[in-house]
Amino acid sequence: MLGVGLDNEDGHKRITKGKDFTLIGGSKETHEEMQEKSIKLVEKLKKKGKTIGDVNDEEFIETAEDIGINLFPDPKPPPKMP
């Protein structure tokens, strides 16, 4: 699984690699949240005797949503033109 944070404004390069995931970028807060949720996802699947590579798309999405990962955020409307 790859997690990418796009809200970094401090210039710090953040990279976290786990057995089943890699997280890149983001602000300190965003990167920490990605770490926490990725670890929870891996642990929840481990309790089922599975890894990220073992589950189908539906089970991955269901498990991710159960722990609060929003895989399909609502798109933001375009800004209004003056």
PDB file of N, CA and C in Angstrom:
ATOM      1  N   MET A   1       0.853  -1.153   0.000  1.00  0.00           N
ATOM      2  CA  MET A   1       0.000   0.000   0.000  1.00  0.00           C
ATOM      3  C   MET A   1       0.904   1.222   0.000  1.00  0.00           C
ATOM      4  N   LEU A   2       0.515   2.232  -0.761  1.00  0.00           N
ATOM      5  CA  LEU A   2       1.258   3.478  -0.833  1.00  0.00           C
ATOM      6  C   LEU A   2       0.374   4.601  -0.330  1.00  0.00           C
ATOM      7  N   GLY A   3       0.885   5.367   0.627  1.00  0.00           N
ATOM      8  CA  GLY A   3       0.186   6.543   1.127  1.00  0.00           C
ATOM      9  C   GLY A   3       0.998   7.778   0.787  1.00  0.00           C
ATOM     10  N   VAL A   4       0.329   8.786   0.224  1.00  0.00           N
ATOM     11  CA  VAL A   4       1.019  10.010  -0.164  1.00  0.00           C
ATOM     12  C   VAL A   4       0.306  11.202   0.481  1.00  0.00           C
ATOM     13  N   GLY A   5       1.064  11.972   1.253  1.00  0.00           N
ATOM     14  CA  GLY A   5       0.536  13.198   1.849  1.00  0.00           C
ATOM     15  C   GLY A   5       0.970  14.383   1.008  1.00  0.00           C
ATOM     16  N   LEU A   6       0.045  15.275   0.714  1.00  0.00           N
ATOM     17  CA  LEU A   6       0.339  16.383  -0.195  1.00  0.00           C
ATOM     18  C   LEU A   6       0.318  17.748   0.490  1.00  0.00           C
ATOM     19  N   ASP A   7       0.219  17.776   1.819  1.00  0.00           N
ATOM     20  CA  ASP A   7       0.058  19.055   2.504  1.00  0.00           C
ATOM     21  C   ASP A   7       1.318  19.535   3.215  1.00  0.00           C
ATOM     22  N   ASN A   8       2.476  19.089   2.797  1.00  0.00           N
ATOM     23  CA  ASN A   8       3.730  19.476   3.438  1.00  0.00           C
ATOM     24  C   ASN A   8       4.157  20.862   2.979  1.00  0.00           C
ATOM     25  N   GLU A   9       4.322  21.770   3.933  1.00  0.00           N
ATOM     26  CA  GLU A   9       4.799  23.107   3.605  1.00  0.00           C
ATOM     27  C   GLU A   9       6.098  23.452   4.320  1.00  0.00           C
ATOM     28  N   ASP A  10       6.629  22.531   5.150  1.00  0.00           N
ATOM     29  CA  ASP A  10       7.836  22.846   5.911  1.00  0.00           C
ATOM     30  C   ASP A  10       9.113  22.346   5.235  1.00  0.00           C
ATOM     31  N   GLY A  11       8.988  21.678   4.086  1.00  0.00           N
ATOM     32  CA  GLY A  11      10.164  21.217   3.353  1.00  0.00           C
ATOM     33  C   GLY A  11      10.791  19.943   3.892  1.00  0.00           C
ATOM     34  N   HIS A  12      10.265  19.410   4.992  1.00  0.00           N
ATOM     35  CA  HIS A  12      10.808  18.186   5.579  1.00  0.00           C
ATOM     36  C   HIS A  12      10.360  16.987   4.750  1.00  0.00           C
ATOM     37  N   LYS A  13      11.282  16.078   4.451  1.00  0.00           N
ATOM     38  CA  LYS A  13      10.946  14.870   3.690  1.00  0.00           C
ATOM     39  C   LYS A  13      10.611  13.751   4.666  1.00  0.00           C
ATOM     40  N   ARG A  14       9.383  13.270   4.605  1.00  0.00           N
ATOM     41  CA  ARG A  14       8.934  12.218   5.509  1.00  0.00           C
ATOM     42  C   ARG A  14       8.674  10.945   4.713  1.00  0.00           C
ATOM     43  N   ILE A  15       9.322   9.865   5.128  1.00  0.00           N
ATOM     44  CA  ILE A  15       9.132   8.564   4.486  1.00  0.00           C
ATOM     45  C   ILE A  15       9.076   7.514   5.589  1.00  0.00           C
ATOM     46  N   THR A  16       8.058   6.670   5.540  1.00  0.00           N
ATOM     47  CA  THR A  16       7.941   5.555   6.479  1.00  0.00           C
ATOM     48  C   THR A  16       7.696   4.298   5.661  1.00  0.00           C
ATOM     49  N   LYS A  17       8.489   3.264   5.935  1.00  0.00           N
ATOM     50  CA  LYS A  17       8.310   1.991   5.248  1.00  0.00           C
ATOM     51  C   LYS A  17       7.970   0.920   6.263  1.00  0.00           C
ATOM     52  N   GLY A  18       6.907   0.189   5.977  1.00  0.00           N
ATOM     53  CA  GLY A  18       6.520  -0.966   6.770  1.00  0.00           C
ATOM     54  C   GLY A  18       6.564  -2.193   5.876  1.00  0.00           C
ATOM     55  N   LYS A  19       6.271  -3.342   6.449  1.00  0.00           N
ATOM     56  CA  LYS A  19       6.297  -4.575   5.657  1.00  0.00           C
ATOM     57  C   LYS A  19       5.322  -4.513   4.484  1.00  0.00           C
ATOM     58  N   ASP A  20       4.148  -3.940   4.721  1.00  0.00           N
ATOM     59  CA  ASP A  20       3.106  -3.927   3.696  1.00  0.00           C
ATOM     60  C   ASP A  20       2.729  -2.533   3.217  1.00  0.00           C
ATOM     61  N   PHE A  21       3.498  -1.513   3.605  1.00  0.00           N
ATOM     62  CA  PHE A  21       3.134  -0.169   3.186  1.00  0.00           C
ATOM     63  C   PHE A  21       4.353   0.749   3.133  1.00  0.00           C
ATOM     64  N   THR A  22       4.213   1.792   2.314  1.00  0.00           N
ATOM     65  CA  THR A  22       5.185   2.878   2.257  1.00  0.00           C
ATOM     66  C   THR A  22       4.397   4.179   2.281  1.00  0.00           C
ATOM     67  N   LEU A  23       4.828   5.105   3.139  1.00  0.00           N
ATOM     68  CA  LEU A  23       4.168   6.400   3.283  1.00  0.00           C
ATOM     69  C   LEU A  23       5.161   7.485   2.919  1.00  0.00           C
ATOM     70  N   ILE A  24       4.713   8.430   2.115  1.00  0.00           N
ATOM     71  CA  ILE A  24       5.596   9.484   1.630  1.00  0.00           C
ATOM     72  C   ILE A  24       4.909  10.834   1.806  1.00  0.00           C
ATOM     73  N   GLY A  25       5.666  11.789   2.346  1.00  0.00           N
ATOM     74  CA  GLY A  25       5.220  13.175   2.377  1.00  0.00           C
ATOM     75  C   GLY A  25       4.204  13.488   3.450  1.00  0.00           C
ATOM     76  N   GLY A  26       3.600  14.643   3.270  1.00  0.00           N
ATOM     77  CA  GLY A  26       2.617  15.142   4.206  1.00  0.00           C
ATOM     78  C   GLY A  26       3.240  15.987   5.300  1.00  0.00           C
ATOM     79  N   SER A  27       2.394  16.768   5.944  1.00  0.00           N
ATOM     80  CA  SER A  27       2.822  17.525   7.109  1.00  0.00           C
ATOM     81  C   SER A  27       3.111  16.538   8.235  1.00  0.00           C
ATOM     82  N   LYS A  28       3.687  17.028   9.313  1.00  0.00           N
ATOM     83  CA  LYS A  28       3.965  16.154  10.461  1.00  0.00           C
ATOM     84  C   LYS A  28       2.687  15.459  10.917  1.00  0.00           C
ATOM     85  N   GLU A  29       1.605  16.232  11.035  1.00  0.00           N
ATOM     86  CA  GLU A  29       0.329  15.683  11.504  1.00  0.00           C
ATOM     87  C   GLU A  29      -0.241  14.660  10.526  1.00  0.00           C
ATOM     88  N   THR A  30      -0.224  14.980   9.239  1.00  0.00           N
ATOM     89  CA  THR A  30      -0.757  14.070   8.225  1.00  0.00           C
ATOM     90  C   THR A  30       0.050  12.783   8.177  1.00  0.00           C
ATOM     91  N   HIS A  31       1.374  12.897   8.225  1.00  0.00           N
ATOM     92  CA  HIS A  31       2.216  11.702   8.153  1.00  0.00           C
ATOM     93  C   HIS A  31       1.985  10.802   9.364  1.00  0.00           C
ATOM     94  N   GLU A  32       1.852  11.417  10.542  1.00  0.00           N
ATOM     95  CA  GLU A  32       1.579  10.626  11.750  1.00  0.00           C
ATOM     96  C   GLU A  32       0.230   9.922  11.648  1.00  0.00           C
ATOM     97  N   GLU A  33      -0.761  10.601  11.081  1.00  0.00           N
ATOM     98  CA  GLU A  33      -2.083   9.979  10.914  1.00  0.00           C
ATOM     99  C   GLU A  33      -2.013   8.812   9.921  1.00  0.00           C
ATOM    100  N   MET A  34      -1.257   8.998   8.833  1.00  0.00           N
ATOM    101  CA  MET A  34      -1.098   7.907   7.866  1.00  0.00           C
ATOM    102  C   MET A  34      -0.405   6.713   8.529  1.00  0.00           C
ATOM    103  N   GLN A  35       0.612   6.984   9.361  1.00  0.00           N
ATOM    104  CA  GLN A  35       1.309   5.905  10.062  1.00  0.00           C
ATOM    105  C   GLN A  35       0.346   5.137  10.959  1.00  0.00           C
ATOM    106  N   GLU A  36      -0.398   5.881  11.765  1.00  0.00           N
ATOM    107  CA  GLU A  36      -1.324   5.260  12.715  1.00  0.00           C
ATOM    108  C   GLU A  36      -2.354   4.386  11.999  1.00  0.00           C
ATOM    109  N   LYS A  37      -2.945   4.915  10.948  1.00  0.00           N
ATOM    110  CA  LYS A  37      -3.992   4.166  10.244  1.00  0.00           C
ATOM    111  C   LYS A  37      -3.420   2.978   9.476  1.00  0.00           C
ATOM    112  N   SER A  38      -2.232   3.123   8.924  1.00  0.00           N
ATOM    113  CA  SER A  38      -1.613   2.007   8.210  1.00  0.00           C
ATOM    114  C   SER A  38      -1.298   0.863   9.158  1.00  0.00           C
ATOM    115  N   ILE A  39      -0.771   1.204  10.331  1.00  0.00           N
ATOM    116  CA  ILE A  39      -0.465   0.179  11.338  1.00  0.00           C
ATOM    117  C   ILE A  39      -1.745  -0.502  11.804  1.00  0.00           C
ATOM    118  N   LYS A  40      -2.804   0.275  12.039  1.00  0.00           N
ATOM    119  CA  LYS A  40      -4.088  -0.311  12.446  1.00  0.00           C
ATOM    120  C   LYS A  40      -4.629  -1.255  11.376  1.00  0.00           C
ATOM    121  N   LEU A  41      -4.495  -0.855  10.109  1.00  0.00           N
ATOM    122  CA  LEU A  41      -4.980  -1.687   9.010  1.00  0.00           C
ATOM    123  C   LEU A  41      -4.223  -3.017   8.973  1.00  0.00           C
ATOM    124  N   VAL A  42      -2.903  -2.951   9.054  1.00  0.00           N
ATOM    125  CA  VAL A  42      -2.087  -4.161   9.038  1.00  0.00           C
ATOM    126  C   VAL A  42      -2.424  -5.057  10.229  1.00  0.00           C
ATOM    127  N   GLU A  43      -2.599  -4.457  11.415  1.00  0.00           N
ATOM    128  CA  GLU A  43      -2.915  -5.239  12.616  1.00  0.00           C
ATOM    129  C   GLU A  43      -4.295  -5.885  12.520  1.00  0.00           C
ATOM    130  N   LYS A  44      -5.266  -5.146  11.987  1.00  0.00           N
ATOM    131  CA  LYS A  44      -6.621  -5.704  11.859  1.00  0.00           C
ATOM    132  C   LYS A  44      -6.627  -6.890  10.904  1.00  0.00           C
ATOM    133  N   LEU A  45      -5.898  -6.772   9.807  1.00  0.00           N
ATOM    134  CA  LEU A  45      -5.820  -7.892   8.866  1.00  0.00           C
ATOM    135  C   LEU A  45      -5.051  -9.061   9.480  1.00  0.00           C
ATOM    136  N   LYS A  46      -4.016  -8.756  10.238  1.00  0.00           N
ATOM    137  CA  LYS A  46      -3.219  -9.808  10.883  1.00  0.00           C
ATOM    138  C   LYS A  46      -4.077 -10.636  11.834  1.00  0.00           C
ATOM    139  N   LYS A  47      -5.008  -9.974  12.543  1.00  0.00           N
ATOM    140  CA  LYS A  47      -5.915 -10.694  13.446  1.00  0.00           C
ATOM    141  C   LYS A  47      -6.793 -11.682  12.684  1.00  0.00           C
ATOM    142  N   LYS A  48      -7.020 -11.393  11.394  1.00  0.00           N
ATOM    143  CA  LYS A  48      -7.800 -12.295  10.536  1.00  0.00           C
ATOM    144  C   LYS A  48      -6.897 -13.328   9.862  1.00  0.00           C
ATOM    145  N   GLY A  49      -5.595 -13.262  10.161  1.00  0.00           N
ATOM    146  CA  GLY A  49      -4.647 -14.184   9.536  1.00  0.00           C
ATOM    147  C   GLY A  49      -4.292 -13.812   8.112  1.00  0.00           C
ATOM    148  N   LYS A  50      -4.419 -12.520   7.778  1.00  0.00           N
ATOM    149  CA  LYS A  50      -4.187 -12.077   6.403  1.00  0.00           C
ATOM    150  C   LYS A  50      -3.208 -10.907   6.371  1.00  0.00           C
ATOM    151  N   THR A  51      -2.720 -10.614   5.168  1.00  0.00           N
ATOM    152  CA  THR A  51      -1.907  -9.432   4.921  1.00  0.00           C
ATOM    153  C   THR A  51      -2.600  -8.613   3.841  1.00  0.00           C
ATOM    154  N   ILE A  52      -2.087  -7.421   3.599  1.00  0.00           N
ATOM    155  CA  ILE A  52      -2.659  -6.582   2.541  1.00  0.00           C
ATOM    156  C   ILE A  52      -2.636  -7.328   1.206  1.00  0.00           C
ATOM    157  N   GLY A  53      -1.590  -8.094   0.956  1.00  0.00           N
ATOM    158  CA  GLY A  53      -1.479  -8.840  -0.297  1.00  0.00           C
ATOM    159  C   GLY A  53      -2.426 -10.022  -0.413  1.00  0.00           C
ATOM    160  N   ASP A  54      -3.020 -10.435   0.716  1.00  0.00           N
ATOM    161  CA  ASP A  54      -3.913 -11.597   0.713  1.00  0.00           C
ATOM    162  C   ASP A  54      -5.375 -11.254   0.427  1.00  0.00           C
ATOM    163  N   VAL A  55      -5.763 -10.000   0.627  1.00  0.00           N
ATOM    164  CA  VAL A  55      -7.180  -9.654   0.547  1.00  0.00           C
ATOM    165  C   VAL A  55      -7.547  -9.128  -0.834  1.00  0.00           C
ATOM    166  N   ASN A  56      -8.812  -9.333  -1.184  1.00  0.00           N
ATOM    167  CA  ASN A  56      -9.291  -8.778  -2.449  1.00  0.00           C
ATOM    168  C   ASN A  56      -9.643  -7.301  -2.230  1.00  0.00           C
ATOM    169  N   ASP A  57      -9.959  -6.618  -3.306  1.00  0.00           N
ATOM    170  CA  ASP A  57     -10.248  -5.185  -3.221  1.00  0.00           C
ATOM    171  C   ASP A  57     -11.379  -4.881  -2.242  1.00  0.00           C
ATOM    172  N   GLU A  58     -12.437  -5.670  -2.312  1.00  0.00           N
ATOM    173  CA  GLU A  58     -13.605  -5.421  -1.460  1.00  0.00           C
ATOM    174  C   GLU A  58     -13.248  -5.524   0.023  1.00  0.00           C
ATOM    175  N   GLU A  59     -12.498  -6.556   0.402  1.00  0.00           N
ATOM    176  CA  GLU A  59     -12.121  -6.727   1.805  1.00  0.00           C
ATOM    177  C   GLU A  59     -11.142  -5.636   2.247  1.00  0.00           C
ATOM    178  N   PHE A  60     -10.251  -5.232   1.347  1.00  0.00           N
ATOM    179  CA  PHE A  60      -9.329  -4.144   1.676  1.00  0.00           C
ATOM    180  C   PHE A  60     -10.095  -2.854   1.945  1.00  0.00           C
ATOM    181  N   ILE A  61     -11.003  -2.507   1.043  1.00  0.00           N
ATOM    182  CA  ILE A  61     -11.797  -1.280   1.189  1.00  0.00           C
ATOM    183  C   ILE A  61     -12.617  -1.320   2.466  1.00  0.00           C
ATOM    184  N   GLU A  62     -13.277  -2.440   2.731  1.00  0.00           N
ATOM    185  CA  GLU A  62     -14.107  -2.580   3.928  1.00  0.00           C
ATOM    186  C   GLU A  62     -13.268  -2.417   5.201  1.00  0.00           C
ATOM    187  N   THR A  63     -12.115  -3.058   5.245  1.00  0.00           N
ATOM    188  CA  THR A  63     -11.247  -2.981   6.417  1.00  0.00           C
ATOM    189  C   THR A  63     -10.707  -1.565   6.593  1.00  0.00           C
ATOM    190  N   ALA A  64     -10.287  -0.944   5.503  1.00  0.00           N
ATOM    191  CA  ALA A  64      -9.769   0.420   5.569  1.00  0.00           C
ATOM    192  C   ALA A  64     -10.838   1.383   6.071  1.00  0.00           C
ATOM    193  N   GLU A  65     -12.040   1.258   5.552  1.00  0.00           N
ATOM    194  CA  GLU A  65     -13.126   2.141   5.985  1.00  0.00           C
ATOM    195  C   GLU A  65     -13.489   1.909   7.447  1.00  0.00           C
ATOM    196  N   ASP A  66     -13.393   0.665   7.913  1.00  0.00           N
ATOM    197  CA  ASP A  66     -13.685   0.350   9.314  1.00  0.00           C
ATOM    198  C   ASP A  66     -12.767   1.096  10.279  1.00  0.00           C
ATOM    199  N   ILE A  67     -11.538   1.363   9.858  1.00  0.00           N
ATOM    200  CA  ILE A  67     -10.608   2.050  10.757  1.00  0.00           C
ATOM    201  C   ILE A  67     -10.483   3.540  10.436  1.00  0.00           C
ATOM    202  N   GLY A  68     -11.306   4.021   9.524  1.00  0.00           N
ATOM    203  CA  GLY A  68     -11.354   5.455   9.267  1.00  0.00           C
ATOM    204  C   GLY A  68     -10.500   5.969   8.122  1.00  0.00           C
ATOM    205  N   ILE A  69     -10.064   5.078   7.246  1.00  0.00           N
ATOM    206  CA  ILE A  69      -9.330   5.531   6.069  1.00  0.00           C
ATOM    207  C   ILE A  69     -10.356   5.863   4.986  1.00  0.00           C
ATOM    208  N   ASN A  70     -10.311   7.099   4.505  1.00  0.00           N
ATOM    209  CA  ASN A  70     -11.232   7.535   3.461  1.00  0.00           C
ATOM    210  C   ASN A  70     -10.548   7.352   2.109  1.00  0.00           C
ATOM    211  N   LEU A  71     -10.810   6.239   1.464  1.00  0.00           N
ATOM    212  CA  LEU A  71     -10.161   5.921   0.183  1.00  0.00           C
ATOM    213  C   LEU A  71     -10.727   6.707  -0.985  1.00  0.00           C
ATOM    214  N   PHE A  72     -11.957   7.149  -0.858  1.00  0.00           N
ATOM    215  CA  PHE A  72     -12.623   7.830  -1.962  1.00  0.00           C
ATOM    216  C   PHE A  72     -13.220   9.152  -1.478  1.00  0.00           C
ATOM    217  N   PRO A  73     -12.351  10.139  -1.179  1.00  0.00           N
ATOM    218  CA  PRO A  73     -12.875  11.409  -0.681  1.00  0.00           C
ATOM    219  C   PRO A  73     -13.701  12.120  -1.736  1.00  0.00           C
ATOM    220  N   ASP A  74     -14.662  12.901  -1.277  1.00  0.00           N
ATOM    221  CA  ASP A  74     -15.472  13.692  -2.195  1.00  0.00           C
ATOM    222  C   ASP A  74     -14.577  14.737  -2.854  1.00  0.00           C
ATOM    223  N   PRO A  75     -14.694  14.873  -4.165  1.00  0.00           N
ATOM    224  CA  PRO A  75     -13.879  15.894  -4.826  1.00  0.00           C
ATOM    225  C   PRO A  75     -14.336  17.284  -4.415  1.00  0.00           C
ATOM    226  N   LYS A  76     -13.381  18.180  -4.305  1.00  0.00           N
ATOM    227  CA  LYS A  76     -13.713  19.558  -3.958  1.00  0.00           C
ATOM    228  C   LYS A  76     -14.230  20.256  -5.205  1.00  0.00           C
ATOM    229  N   PRO A  77     -15.256  21.098  -5.045  1.00  0.00           N
ATOM    230  CA  PRO A  77     -15.739  21.831  -6.210  1.00  0.00           C
ATOM    231  C   PRO A  77     -14.681  22.850  -6.664  1.00  0.00           C
ATOM    232  N   PRO A  78     -14.659  23.164  -7.939  1.00  0.00           N
ATOM    233  CA  PRO A  78     -13.679  24.145  -8.407  1.00  0.00           C
ATOM    234  C   PRO A  78     -13.951  25.506  -7.793  1.00  0.00           C
ATOM    235  N   PRO A  79     -12.919  26.316  -7.636  1.00  0.00           N
ATOM    236  CA  PRO A  79     -13.137  27.639  -7.052  1.00  0.00           C
ATOM    237  C   PRO A  79     -14.007  28.488  -7.956  1.00  0.00           C
ATOM    238  N   LYS A  80     -14.780  29.381  -7.344  1.00  0.00           N
ATOM    239  CA  LYS A  80     -15.648  30.281  -8.119  1.00  0.00           C
ATOM    240  C   LYS A  80     -14.802  31.369  -8.756  1.00  0.00           C
ATOM    241  N   MET A  81     -15.107  31.638  -9.977  1.00  0.00           N
ATOM    242  CA  MET A  81     -14.393  32.681 -10.703  1.00  0.00           C
ATOM    243  C   MET A  81     -15.053  34.024 -10.422  1.00  0.00           C
ATOM    244  N   PRO A  82     -14.259  35.077 -10.259  1.00  0.00           N
ATOM    245  CA  PRO A  82     -14.840  36.410  -9.969  1.00  0.00           C
ATOM    246  C   PRO A  82     -15.615  36.964 -11.136  1.00  0.00           C
TER     247      PRO A  82
END
